Amino acid sequence: MAEAEGPGPEDRKPKSDEAHSAFTPPPGMEPEVPDEDQPTSEFALPEGLAAPSPGPEGSGFTAPATYAAQHSPPAHTPPPVPAFSASSPWQDRMRTMLRMPVDVRPVPEAAQRQTEAGPAVGRVLDLTLRIGELLLAGGEGAEDVEAAMFAVARSYGLDRAEPTVTVTMLSITHQPSLVGNPVSASRTVRRRGTDYTRLAAVFRLVDDISAPEVEISLEEAYRRLAVIRRNRHPYPTWVLTAAAGLLAGAASVLVGGGVTVFFCAALGAVLGDRLAWYFADHGLPEFYQFVVAAMPPAAIGVALKLAEIDVRASAVITGGLFALLPGRALVAAVQDGLTGFYITASARLLEVMYLFIGIIIGVLVVIYVGLQFGASPNPDEVLQIPHRPLLQTLASMVLVFTFAILLQQERSTVWIVTLNGGVAWVTFGALRAAELPPVPSTAIAAGLVGLFGQLFSRYRFASALPYVTAAIGPLLPGSATYFGLLSIAENRLDKGLASLTTAAAIALAIAIGVNLGSESSRLFMRIPGARSAAKRRAAAKRTRGF
């Protein structure tokens, strides 16, 4: 076959009269012969060199000679490849997608089967909000609540869902398409209570909903959620009251108390717990409940001093403080702040501050009254804690065990968290024996609590709170708090404020250490099929300051 030739002169498009160079002389005028001294264009051809003949003219839509079809760019932008596998825990998958921009999130298939009419948007949003309400009311961090809500919405086919969590408000928005009208729903969290058994049941429900191999219809999910809400607490009231007494008694032994101090601290904590329950039943705010709960242990300690009984009265008051310090709320507040939920973190820190001030007021009132009656507490006694490694380790484990019961944990998790708390206390004691300051020692021990707690939770695909919160009980700054209050009552404001500042630093070290241990486990543990580098980039983008 003969090759196609270029267009001939007769096939060319005639030039317009206007298509001439501005330097071309008009018709009828001869071009002037340039002088030899006149400069010529740098693009002019040298004399004796012939100009190349122009090639055949082609269409403007003809592909360039360097173009190759096999190396052409894709006709459309492919969807992003997920940085995780289906076998990864749903917490990690949802947290990773939440940290991505909305327009680059992968669009996996819904885990639950859909009807021909599509997902029931209103019911799915309502179910999502109810599940988030139980998690937030149970003390779960804002990021984990958002991840759970996101998992439920996507499992039922709502890909373009965006949850938002604050300390008292939950909202979720679904946009069916780029041009469709968004649908929003919100729910207010008015009552909060600590029940880690209910929290674990909600996590199991979310895990089943997000698992493709488990089929749960909307009706079945509503039924299971109603059962979770109606379930009674695993421990009766008298068990909780006895646990509060044992916790205070174990804490008093931890700071140097003996048998008499143990029973006195336990009695004070039981009386304080009953007073708090009484005022709670009558609708008194939580601030005043902490005020009255802190008074009985302080009153018993002052009474021992007035009776001149040769015991460590300061250990009685310190043990009562261990049962009241809001360690759970502090850890949740710092965790929200470190993960970027600053409004929720600020509100929770403000709550911790109010509760702490309530404890201070209750103890200070009793100590001041005791000083007026001639009680002479020994401030140095608070800081002179005898070194009894075996007894203190056993006391720390009893403290964690009773703390777990107060948090309404499942019986299967109580022993695990008790062991975790014992390891934390042994680590703290070893670091203090090596003369490391209390704040870094506390942070390191709390980091181990967070690390082991996250490992246990990932093994069971559950929340990390039941494995972490009770384990930090022995690390709470009870002695520093009481020494600061006693110094303030004796008009030694400099020492009192310095001690309270140390107590606040220890509390923050606990919270930061727990969070750092949890994040370390997520960072260094390899999830099957996960691309950790992509996950790290997503997290870094989310927390970048611009």
Protein backbone atom coordinates (compact mmCIF):
# COMPACT_ATOMS: atom_id res chain seq x y z
CA MET A 1 0.00 0.00 0.00
CA ALA A 2 1.37 3.35 -1.02
CA GLU A 3 2.07 5.77 1.71
CA ALA A 4 -0.22 8.75 2.03
CA GLU A 5 1.34 11.91 0.72
CA GLY A 6 0.96 15.34 2.21
CA PRO A 7 -1.51 17.81 0.75
CA GLY A 8 -0.49 19.40 -2.58
CA PRO A 9 -0.28 23.10 -3.30
CA GLU A 10 -3.77 23.07 -4.77
CA ASP A 11 -5.21 21.53 -1.59
CA ARG A 12 -3.80 24.09 0.74
CA LYS A 13 -5.96 26.73 2.26
CA PRO A 14 -5.35 30.09 0.51
CA LYS A 15 -3.74 32.71 2.63
CA SER A 16 -5.74 35.67 3.68
CA ASP A 17 -4.77 39.12 2.57
CA GLU A 18 -4.27 40.01 6.17
CA ALA A 19 -1.95 37.08 6.78
CA HIS A 20 1.37 38.74 6.13
CA SER A 21 4.18 39.89 8.28
CA ALA A 22 4.27 43.41 9.59
CA PHE A 23 7.77 43.65 8.09
CA THR A 24 6.69 42.59 4.59
CA PRO A 25 6.72 45.59 2.19
CA PRO A 26 3.40 46.47 0.61
CA PRO A 27 2.73 45.29 -2.95
CA GLY A 28 4.39 47.43 -5.59
CA MET A 29 7.36 48.42 -3.47
CA GLU A 30 10.72 46.80 -3.84
CA PRO A 31 12.52 45.85 -0.68
CA GLU A 32 15.47 48.00 0.13
CA VAL A 33 18.88 46.47 -0.05
CA PRO A 34 20.31 46.62 3.43
CA ASP A 35 23.61 48.21 3.97
CA GLU A 36 26.46 46.02 5.06
CA ASP A 37 26.78 48.00 8.24
CA GLN A 38 23.09 47.52 9.16
CA PRO A 39 22.65 44.71 11.71
CA THR A 40 20.57 41.72 10.69
CA SER A 41 18.32 39.46 12.78
CA GLU A 42 19.99 36.83 14.85
CA PHE A 43 17.53 34.35 13.41
CA ALA A 44 18.57 35.06 9.81
CA LEU A 45 20.16 32.18 7.92
CA PRO A 46 23.84 32.58 7.03
CA GLU A 47 24.74 33.05 3.38
CA GLY A 48 25.18 29.81 1.51
CA LEU A 49 22.88 27.78 3.78
CA ALA A 50 19.59 26.68 2.27
CA ALA A 51 16.43 26.73 4.33
CA PRO A 52 14.96 23.27 5.12
CA SER A 53 11.84 22.36 3.16
CA PRO A 54 8.69 22.33 5.28
CA GLY A 55 7.17 18.94 6.03
CA PRO A 56 3.63 17.92 5.26
CA GLU A 57 0.97 19.85 7.11
CA GLY A 58 -1.29 17.84 9.42
CA SER A 59 -4.31 18.31 11.67
CA GLY A 60 -4.06 20.05 15.04
CA PHE A 61 -5.60 16.92 16.62
CA THR A 62 -2.90 14.60 15.35
CA ALA A 63 -0.96 12.88 18.17
CA PRO A 64 2.68 13.98 18.54
CA ALA A 65 5.40 11.72 17.24
CA THR A 66 6.64 11.11 20.80
CA TYR A 67 3.25 9.87 22.01
CA ALA A 68 2.82 6.17 22.85
CA ALA A 69 -0.54 4.68 23.75
CA GLN A 70 0.93 2.19 26.24
CA HIS A 71 2.40 5.05 28.27
CA SER A 72 -0.67 7.26 28.20
CA PRO A 73 -2.10 8.65 31.51
CA PRO A 74 -5.32 7.08 32.87
CA ALA A 75 -8.58 8.45 31.58
CA HIS A 76 -9.90 8.92 35.16
CA THR A 77 -8.48 9.33 38.63
CA PRO A 78 -8.49 5.94 40.37
CA PRO A 79 -9.92 5.72 43.91
CA PRO A 80 -7.34 5.72 46.71
CA VAL A 81 -6.05 2.38 47.88
CA PRO A 82 -7.03 1.78 51.52
CA ALA A 83 -4.11 1.83 53.94
CA PHE A 84 -5.48 -1.17 55.82
CA SER A 85 -6.97 -4.58 55.25
CA ALA A 86 -10.38 -5.97 56.09
CA SER A 87 -8.83 -8.01 58.90
CA SER A 88 -7.65 -4.89 60.76
CA PRO A 89 -9.62 -3.84 63.87
CA TRP A 90 -12.50 -1.54 63.02
CA GLN A 91 -11.11 1.11 65.37
CA ASP A 92 -7.93 1.38 63.27
CA ARG A 93 -9.79 1.35 59.95
CA MET A 94 -12.30 4.01 60.95
CA ARG A 95 -9.74 6.19 62.70
CA THR A 96 -7.54 6.12 59.59
CA MET A 97 -10.41 7.13 57.28
CA LEU A 98 -11.54 9.87 59.65
CA ARG A 99 -8.08 11.41 59.43
CA MET A 100 -8.31 11.48 55.61
CA PRO A 101 -9.94 14.34 53.69
CA VAL A 102 -13.50 13.57 52.69
CA ASP A 103 -12.80 13.61 48.95
CA VAL A 104 -10.03 10.98 49.10
CA ARG A 105 -11.59 8.43 51.42
CA PRO A 106 -11.95 4.94 49.97
CA VAL A 107 -15.48 3.74 49.28
CA PRO A 108 -15.70 0.12 50.44
CA GLU A 109 -18.80 -1.97 50.10
CA ALA A 110 -21.29 -1.84 52.93
CA ALA A 111 -20.75 -4.54 55.56
CA GLN A 112 -24.51 -5.09 55.99
CA ARG A 113 -26.87 -6.12 53.20
CA GLN A 114 -29.02 -3.36 51.76
CA THR A 115 -32.53 -3.41 50.32
CA GLU A 116 -33.35 -2.39 46.77
CA ALA A 117 -34.56 1.01 47.98
CA GLY A 118 -31.19 1.71 49.58
CA PRO A 119 -30.34 2.41 53.23
CA ALA A 120 -32.95 3.94 55.54
CA VAL A 121 -31.02 7.16 56.15
CA GLY A 122 -33.09 8.42 59.08
CA ARG A 123 -32.99 5.16 61.02
CA VAL A 124 -29.28 4.62 60.39
CA LEU A 125 -28.46 8.12 61.63
CA ASP A 126 -30.64 7.60 64.72
CA LEU A 127 -28.98 4.27 65.52
CA THR A 128 -25.56 5.86 65.05
CA LEU A 129 -26.37 8.67 67.47
CA ARG A 130 -27.75 6.31 70.11
CA ILE A 131 -24.61 4.18 70.00
CA GLY A 132 -22.40 7.27 70.22
CA GLU A 133 -24.44 8.54 73.17
CA LEU A 134 -23.79 5.39 75.21
CA LEU A 135 -20.07 5.50 74.43
CA LEU A 136 -19.68 9.19 75.28
CA ALA A 137 -21.76 8.86 78.45
CA GLY A 138 -19.56 5.94 79.52
CA GLY A 139 -16.41 8.07 79.40
CA GLU A 140 -15.01 7.04 76.01
CA GLY A 141 -12.72 9.48 74.23
CA ALA A 142 -14.17 11.70 71.51
CA GLU A 143 -12.01 10.19 68.75
CA ASP A 144 -13.14 6.64 69.55
CA VAL A 145 -16.77 7.78 69.69
CA GLU A 146 -16.43 9.32 66.24
CA ALA A 147 -14.77 6.16 64.92
CA ALA A 148 -17.64 4.01 66.24
CA MET A 149 -20.28 6.30 64.73
CA PHE A 150 -18.43 6.34 61.42
CA ALA A 151 -18.19 2.54 61.41
CA VAL A 152 -21.94 2.10 61.99
CA ALA A 153 -22.90 4.62 59.30
CA ARG A 154 -20.60 3.13 56.66
CA SER A 155 -21.61 -0.42 57.49
CA TYR A 156 -25.21 0.40 56.59
CA GLY A 157 -24.29 2.11 53.33
CA LEU A 158 -23.90 5.79 54.28
CA ASP A 159 -20.50 6.47 52.74
CA ARG A 160 -20.64 10.28 52.89
CA ALA A 161 -21.25 10.52 56.64
CA GLU A 162 -19.42 12.97 58.87
CA PRO A 163 -19.80 12.59 62.69
CA THR A 164 -19.00 15.36 65.16
CA VAL A 165 -18.56 14.87 68.92
CA THR A 166 -18.36 17.39 71.74
CA VAL A 167 -18.64 16.84 75.46
CA THR A 168 -22.47 17.06 75.51
CA MET A 169 -23.54 17.04 71.84
CA LEU A 170 -23.42 14.42 69.09
CA SER A 171 -24.22 15.19 65.47
CA ILE A 172 -23.86 13.44 62.14
CA THR A 173 -24.37 14.67 58.58
CA HIS A 174 -24.94 12.52 55.51
CA GLN A 175 -24.72 13.87 51.97
CA PRO A 176 -26.13 11.35 49.46
CA SER A 177 -24.29 12.89 46.48
CA LEU A 178 -22.34 15.93 45.45
CA VAL A 179 -25.53 17.67 44.36
CA GLY A 180 -27.94 16.17 46.90
CA ASN A 181 -29.20 17.94 49.99
CA PRO A 182 -27.41 16.86 53.19
CA VAL A 183 -29.31 15.20 56.04
CA SER A 184 -28.24 16.07 59.60
CA ALA A 185 -29.24 14.72 63.01
CA SER A 186 -28.04 15.50 66.54
CA ARG A 187 -28.46 14.21 70.07
CA THR A 188 -27.70 15.72 73.46
CA VAL A 189 -25.98 13.67 76.18
CA ARG A 190 -27.68 14.72 79.42
CA ARG A 191 -26.76 11.89 81.79
CA ARG A 192 -23.37 10.30 82.24
CA GLY A 193 -22.42 7.33 84.32
CA THR A 194 -19.54 4.91 84.63
CA ASP A 195 -20.40 1.37 83.56
CA TYR A 196 -17.62 -0.36 81.66
CA THR A 197 -19.71 -3.52 81.27
CA ARG A 198 -22.20 -1.55 79.18
CA LEU A 199 -19.32 0.10 77.34
CA ALA A 200 -17.84 -3.28 76.40
CA ALA A 201 -21.26 -4.50 75.18
CA VAL A 202 -21.60 -1.45 72.91
CA PHE A 203 -18.12 -2.11 71.48
CA ARG A 204 -19.11 -5.70 70.71
CA LEU A 205 -22.24 -4.45 68.93
CA VAL A 206 -20.20 -2.03 66.79
CA ASP A 207 -17.69 -4.81 66.04
CA ASP A 208 -20.48 -7.11 64.84
CA ILE A 209 -22.10 -4.38 62.74
CA SER A 210 -18.82 -3.54 60.99
CA ALA A 211 -17.94 -7.22 60.32
CA PRO A 212 -19.05 -8.39 56.82
CA GLU A 213 -19.38 -12.00 57.96
CA VAL A 214 -21.96 -11.10 60.64
CA GLU A 215 -25.37 -10.02 59.33
CA ILE A 216 -27.23 -7.63 61.64
CA SER A 217 -30.30 -5.84 60.37
CA LEU A 218 -31.37 -2.46 61.69
CA GLU A 219 -34.13 -4.10 63.73
CA GLU A 220 -31.66 -6.54 65.30
CA ALA A 221 -29.22 -3.71 66.09
CA TYR A 222 -32.01 -1.70 67.77
CA ARG A 223 -33.03 -4.76 69.78
CA ARG A 224 -29.50 -5.41 71.02
CA LEU A 225 -29.04 -1.74 71.86
CA ALA A 226 -32.25 -1.74 73.91
CA VAL A 227 -31.03 -4.82 75.82
CA ILE A 228 -27.74 -3.06 76.57
CA ARG A 229 -29.55 0.01 77.90
CA ARG A 230 -31.87 -2.07 80.12
CA ASN A 231 -29.16 -4.26 81.60
CA ARG A 232 -28.60 -3.78 85.31
CA HIS A 233 -25.17 -3.04 86.72
CA PRO A 234 -23.11 -6.18 87.37
CA TYR A 235 -22.50 -5.32 91.03
CA PRO A 236 -25.12 -4.32 93.64
CA THR A 237 -24.86 -1.13 95.66
CA TRP A 238 -23.51 -2.78 98.80
CA VAL A 239 -20.64 -4.31 96.80
CA LEU A 240 -19.76 -0.88 95.44
CA THR A 241 -19.78 0.63 98.92
CA ALA A 242 -17.56 -2.15 100.26
CA ALA A 243 -15.22 -1.70 97.29
CA ALA A 244 -14.91 2.02 98.08
CA GLY A 245 -13.92 1.17 101.66
CA LEU A 246 -11.36 -1.44 100.59
CA LEU A 247 -9.91 0.97 98.06
CA ALA A 248 -9.35 3.64 100.71
CA GLY A 249 -7.92 1.09 103.15
CA ALA A 250 -5.50 -0.29 100.55
CA ALA A 251 -4.44 3.26 99.63
CA SER A 252 -3.74 4.04 103.29
CA VAL A 253 -1.46 0.98 103.53
CA LEU A 254 0.22 2.13 100.34
CA VAL A 255 1.28 5.40 102.04
CA GLY A 256 2.46 3.78 105.28
CA GLY A 257 -0.64 2.95 107.33
CA GLY A 258 -1.16 -0.10 109.52
CA VAL A 259 -4.13 -2.23 110.48
CA THR A 260 -5.88 0.48 112.53
CA VAL A 261 -5.36 3.04 109.78
CA PHE A 262 -6.73 0.54 107.24
CA PHE A 263 -10.04 0.14 109.04
CA CYS A 264 -10.33 3.85 109.82
CA ALA A 265 -9.73 4.80 106.18
CA ALA A 266 -12.21 2.15 105.02
CA LEU A 267 -14.85 3.45 107.46
CA GLY A 268 -14.35 7.04 106.32
CA ALA A 269 -14.66 6.08 102.65
CA VAL A 270 -17.84 4.07 103.29
CA LEU A 271 -19.44 6.99 105.15
CA GLY A 272 -18.40 9.39 102.40
CA ASP A 273 -19.79 7.08 99.71
CA ARG A 274 -23.13 6.78 101.49
CA LEU A 275 -23.36 10.56 101.94
CA ALA A 276 -22.62 11.11 98.27
CA TRP A 277 -25.31 8.60 97.27
CA TYR A 278 -27.81 10.28 99.57
CA PHE A 279 -27.23 13.73 98.08
CA ALA A 280 -27.21 12.29 94.54
CA ASP A 281 -30.66 10.78 95.13
CA HIS A 282 -31.87 14.24 96.17
CA GLY A 283 -30.58 15.87 93.00
CA LEU A 284 -27.56 17.69 94.45
CA PRO A 285 -24.91 18.54 91.78
CA GLU A 286 -21.81 16.38 91.58
CA PHE A 287 -19.61 19.16 92.92
CA TYR A 288 -21.35 19.08 96.31
CA GLN A 289 -21.32 15.29 96.30
CA PHE A 290 -17.52 15.40 96.21
CA VAL A 291 -17.46 18.01 98.98
CA VAL A 292 -19.45 15.85 101.39
CA ALA A 293 -17.67 12.63 100.32
CA ALA A 294 -14.28 14.12 101.26
CA MET A 295 -15.37 15.12 104.77
CA PRO A 296 -15.71 11.76 106.64
CA PRO A 297 -12.13 10.50 105.97
CA ALA A 298 -10.74 13.90 106.95
CA ALA A 299 -12.92 13.98 110.05
CA ILE A 300 -11.71 10.54 111.18
CA GLY A 301 -8.08 11.56 110.62
CA VAL A 302 -8.57 14.74 112.69
CA ALA A 303 -10.35 12.73 115.39
CA LEU A 304 -7.37 10.38 115.66
CA LYS A 305 -5.10 13.37 116.16
CA LEU A 306 -7.38 14.89 118.82
CA ALA A 307 -7.47 11.53 120.63
CA GLU A 308 -3.65 11.41 120.46
CA ILE A 309 -3.69 7.85 119.14
CA ASP A 310 -0.26 6.84 117.91
CA VAL A 311 -1.14 6.08 114.27
CA ARG A 312 -0.51 7.79 110.93
CA ALA A 313 -3.62 9.93 110.80
CA SER A 314 -2.43 11.47 107.57
CA ALA A 315 -2.67 8.04 105.90
CA VAL A 316 -6.39 7.92 106.74
CA ILE A 317 -7.05 11.20 104.94
CA THR A 318 -4.77 10.27 102.04
CA GLY A 319 -6.55 6.95 101.60
CA GLY A 320 -9.88 8.72 101.42
CA LEU A 321 -8.50 11.06 98.76
CA PHE A 322 -7.44 8.13 96.57
CA ALA A 323 -11.05 7.01 96.37
CA LEU A 324 -12.19 10.45 95.16
CA LEU A 325 -9.51 11.77 92.78
CA PRO A 326 -11.03 11.93 89.26
CA GLY A 327 -8.36 10.01 87.41
CA ARG A 328 -10.77 8.63 84.80
CA ALA A 329 -12.00 12.07 83.75
CA LEU A 330 -8.45 13.44 83.68
CA VAL A 331 -7.19 10.70 81.34
CA ALA A 332 -10.15 11.22 78.99
CA ALA A 333 -9.62 15.00 78.98
CA VAL A 334 -5.91 14.83 78.14
CA GLN A 335 -6.52 12.14 75.53
CA ASP A 336 -9.07 14.36 73.77
CA GLY A 337 -6.65 17.27 73.83
CA LEU A 338 -3.77 15.23 72.40
CA THR A 339 -5.96 13.87 69.59
CA GLY A 340 -7.19 17.30 68.50
CA PHE A 341 -10.60 17.59 70.21
CA TYR A 342 -9.79 20.78 72.06
CA ILE A 343 -13.33 21.89 72.90
CA THR A 344 -14.17 18.53 74.48
CA ALA A 345 -10.80 18.42 76.25
CA SER A 346 -11.31 21.91 77.69
CA ALA A 347 -14.75 21.03 79.00
CA ARG A 348 -13.53 17.82 80.59
CA LEU A 349 -10.53 19.55 82.18
CA LEU A 350 -12.90 22.14 83.59
CA GLU A 351 -14.99 19.31 85.04
CA VAL A 352 -11.88 17.78 86.61
CA MET A 353 -10.97 21.16 88.10
CA TYR A 354 -14.43 21.57 89.65
CA LEU A 355 -14.35 18.09 91.18
CA PHE A 356 -10.84 18.65 92.50
CA ILE A 357 -11.87 21.96 94.05
CA GLY A 358 -14.81 20.17 95.69
CA ILE A 359 -12.43 17.67 97.29
CA ILE A 360 -10.17 20.51 98.45
CA ILE A 361 -13.05 22.39 100.04
CA GLY A 362 -14.33 19.31 101.88
CA VAL A 363 -10.92 18.43 103.32
CA LEU A 364 -9.92 22.02 104.12
CA VAL A 365 -13.10 22.70 106.08
CA VAL A 366 -12.53 19.67 108.31
CA ILE A 367 -8.80 20.35 108.79
CA TYR A 368 -9.46 23.99 109.66
CA VAL A 369 -12.06 23.00 112.24
CA GLY A 370 -9.64 20.45 113.69
CA LEU A 371 -6.93 23.08 114.00
CA GLN A 372 -9.34 25.30 115.94
CA PHE A 373 -9.87 22.45 118.43
CA GLY A 374 -6.15 21.91 118.94
CA ALA A 375 -5.38 19.10 116.50
CA SER A 376 -1.69 19.21 115.65
CA PRO A 377 -1.03 17.27 112.45
CA ASN A 378 2.55 16.53 111.53
CA PRO A 379 3.21 17.69 107.94
CA ASP A 380 6.48 15.77 107.66
CA GLU A 381 4.61 12.55 108.44
CA VAL A 382 2.89 12.76 105.06
CA LEU A 383 6.13 12.65 103.10
CA GLN A 384 7.89 10.02 105.26
CA ILE A 385 6.41 6.89 103.69
CA PRO A 386 8.09 3.66 104.87
CA HIS A 387 9.51 1.36 102.23
CA ARG A 388 7.63 -1.97 102.31
CA PRO A 389 7.86 -3.39 98.77
CA LEU A 390 5.87 -6.63 99.14
CA LEU A 391 3.09 -5.18 101.29
CA GLN A 392 2.77 -2.08 99.12
CA THR A 393 2.61 -4.17 95.93
CA LEU A 394 -0.21 -6.26 97.38
CA ALA A 395 -1.97 -3.10 98.54
CA SER A 396 -1.66 -1.57 95.06
CA MET A 397 -3.23 -4.65 93.48
CA VAL A 398 -6.12 -4.57 95.98
CA LEU A 399 -6.58 -0.89 95.16
CA VAL A 400 -6.76 -1.64 91.42
CA PHE A 401 -9.12 -4.58 92.00
CA THR A 402 -11.60 -2.51 93.99
CA PHE A 403 -11.27 0.42 91.58
CA ALA A 404 -12.26 -1.91 88.72
CA ILE A 405 -15.36 -2.97 90.65
CA LEU A 406 -16.32 0.67 91.22
CA LEU A 407 -16.06 1.19 87.45
CA GLN A 408 -18.55 -1.66 86.89
CA GLN A 409 -16.11 -3.71 84.83
CA GLU A 410 -16.77 -7.18 83.54
CA ARG A 411 -15.44 -9.92 85.77
CA SER A 412 -13.22 -11.24 82.98
CA THR A 413 -11.33 -7.93 82.81
CA VAL A 414 -10.92 -7.29 86.54
CA TRP A 415 -8.00 -9.70 86.93
CA ILE A 416 -6.22 -8.41 83.84
CA VAL A 417 -6.36 -4.80 84.94
CA THR A 418 -5.27 -5.81 88.46
CA LEU A 419 -2.15 -7.38 87.01
CA ASN A 420 -1.56 -4.31 84.86
CA GLY A 421 -1.78 -2.05 87.91
CA GLY A 422 0.63 -4.25 89.87
CA VAL A 423 3.20 -4.02 87.07
CA ALA A 424 2.79 -0.25 87.00
CA TRP A 425 3.37 0.08 90.74
CA VAL A 426 6.46 -2.18 90.68
CA THR A 427 7.87 -0.09 87.83
CA PHE A 428 7.17 3.12 89.71
CA GLY A 429 8.77 1.77 92.90
CA ALA A 430 11.88 0.63 91.03
CA LEU A 431 12.31 4.01 89.37
CA ARG A 432 11.85 5.85 92.66
CA ALA A 433 14.41 3.52 94.29
CA ALA A 434 16.80 4.55 91.52
CA GLU A 435 16.25 8.18 92.69
CA LEU A 436 14.34 9.24 89.58
CA PRO A 437 12.02 12.22 90.29
CA PRO A 438 8.34 11.38 90.88
CA VAL A 439 6.94 13.04 87.76
CA PRO A 440 9.01 11.13 85.14
CA SER A 441 8.68 7.94 87.18
CA THR A 442 4.91 8.31 87.12
CA ALA A 443 4.91 9.05 83.39
CA ILE A 444 6.95 5.93 82.58
CA ALA A 445 4.77 3.69 84.75
CA ALA A 446 1.61 5.18 83.23
CA GLY A 447 3.08 4.63 79.76
CA LEU A 448 3.35 0.92 80.51
CA VAL A 449 -0.28 0.97 81.67
CA GLY A 450 -1.36 2.51 78.39
CA LEU A 451 0.79 0.15 76.33
CA PHE A 452 -0.44 -3.05 77.98
CA GLY A 453 -4.00 -1.77 78.09
CA GLN A 454 -3.95 -1.09 74.35
CA LEU A 455 -2.48 -4.54 73.69
CA PHE A 456 -5.25 -6.21 75.71
CA SER A 457 -7.94 -4.15 74.00
CA ARG A 458 -6.60 -4.94 70.51
CA TYR A 459 -6.47 -8.62 71.36
CA ARG A 460 -10.14 -8.55 72.36
CA PHE A 461 -11.27 -5.87 69.84
CA ALA A 462 -12.67 -3.84 72.75
CA SER A 463 -12.26 -0.46 74.40
CA ALA A 464 -8.97 0.24 76.17
CA LEU A 465 -10.61 2.02 79.12
CA PRO A 466 -11.42 -1.13 81.17
CA TYR A 467 -7.77 -2.17 80.95
CA VAL A 468 -6.28 1.25 81.73
CA THR A 469 -8.40 3.40 84.05
CA ALA A 470 -8.29 1.27 87.20
CA ALA A 471 -4.60 0.44 86.70
CA ILE A 472 -3.56 4.07 87.24
CA GLY A 473 -5.16 4.14 90.70
CA PRO A 474 -1.94 3.54 92.72
CA LEU A 475 -0.18 6.33 90.79
CA LEU A 476 -2.67 9.06 91.71
CA PRO A 477 -1.11 11.94 93.73
CA GLY A 478 -2.93 11.44 97.03
CA SER A 479 -0.02 12.29 99.34
CA ALA A 480 0.98 15.44 97.44
CA THR A 481 -2.63 16.63 97.45
CA TYR A 482 -3.08 16.16 101.19
CA PHE A 483 0.26 17.79 102.02
CA GLY A 484 -0.72 20.82 99.93
CA LEU A 485 -4.11 21.09 101.64
CA LEU A 486 -2.57 20.75 105.09
CA SER A 487 -0.01 23.46 104.32
CA ILE A 488 -2.72 25.83 103.09
CA ALA A 489 -4.77 25.20 106.25
CA GLU A 490 -1.72 26.11 108.34
CA ASN A 491 -1.23 29.39 106.38
CA ARG A 492 1.87 28.11 104.58
CA LEU A 493 0.65 29.07 101.15
CA ASP A 494 4.03 28.77 99.40
CA LYS A 495 4.50 25.12 100.36
CA GLY A 496 0.83 24.36 99.85
CA LEU A 497 0.66 25.74 96.34
CA ALA A 498 3.96 24.11 95.44
CA SER A 499 2.66 20.72 96.60
CA LEU A 500 -0.63 21.14 94.75
CA THR A 501 1.33 22.08 91.63
CA THR A 502 3.35 18.89 92.02
CA ALA A 503 0.11 16.93 92.36
CA ALA A 504 -1.22 18.52 89.16
CA ALA A 505 2.04 17.71 87.34
CA ILE A 506 1.84 14.08 88.46
CA ALA A 507 -1.79 13.87 87.32
CA LEU A 508 -0.88 15.26 83.90
CA ALA A 509 2.09 12.88 83.71
CA ILE A 510 -0.32 9.98 84.29
CA ALA A 511 -2.66 11.11 81.53
CA ILE A 512 0.10 11.87 79.01
CA GLY A 513 1.91 8.62 79.82
CA VAL A 514 -1.25 6.57 79.27
CA ASN A 515 -1.93 8.27 75.96
CA LEU A 516 1.69 7.95 74.82
CA GLY A 517 1.72 4.23 75.65
CA SER A 518 -1.48 3.70 73.68
CA GLU A 519 -0.19 5.61 70.66
CA SER A 520 3.12 3.73 70.81
CA SER A 521 1.31 0.41 70.55
CA ARG A 522 -0.60 1.63 67.49
CA LEU A 523 2.58 3.02 65.94
CA PHE A 524 4.88 0.04 66.31
CA MET A 525 2.46 -2.88 66.16
CA ARG A 526 2.11 -4.22 62.63
CA ILE A 527 -1.46 -4.83 61.56
CA PRO A 528 -1.87 -7.59 58.95
CA GLY A 529 -2.15 -5.97 55.53
CA ALA A 530 -1.77 -2.43 56.84
CA ARG A 531 0.51 0.18 55.35
CA SER A 532 1.83 1.89 58.42
CA ALA A 533 3.61 4.63 56.49
CA ALA A 534 0.36 5.82 54.95
CA LYS A 535 -1.30 5.81 58.35
CA ARG A 536 1.49 7.85 59.83
CA ARG A 537 1.21 10.40 57.04
CA ALA A 538 -2.53 10.71 57.59
CA ALA A 539 -2.06 11.31 61.29
CA ALA A 540 0.68 13.87 60.71
CA LYS A 541 -1.47 15.81 58.25
CA ARG A 542 -4.32 15.87 60.70
CA THR A 543 -2.29 17.40 63.52
CA ARG A 544 -0.27 19.81 61.39
CA GLY A 545 -0.59 23.43 62.40
CA PHE A 546 -1.64 24.82 59.01
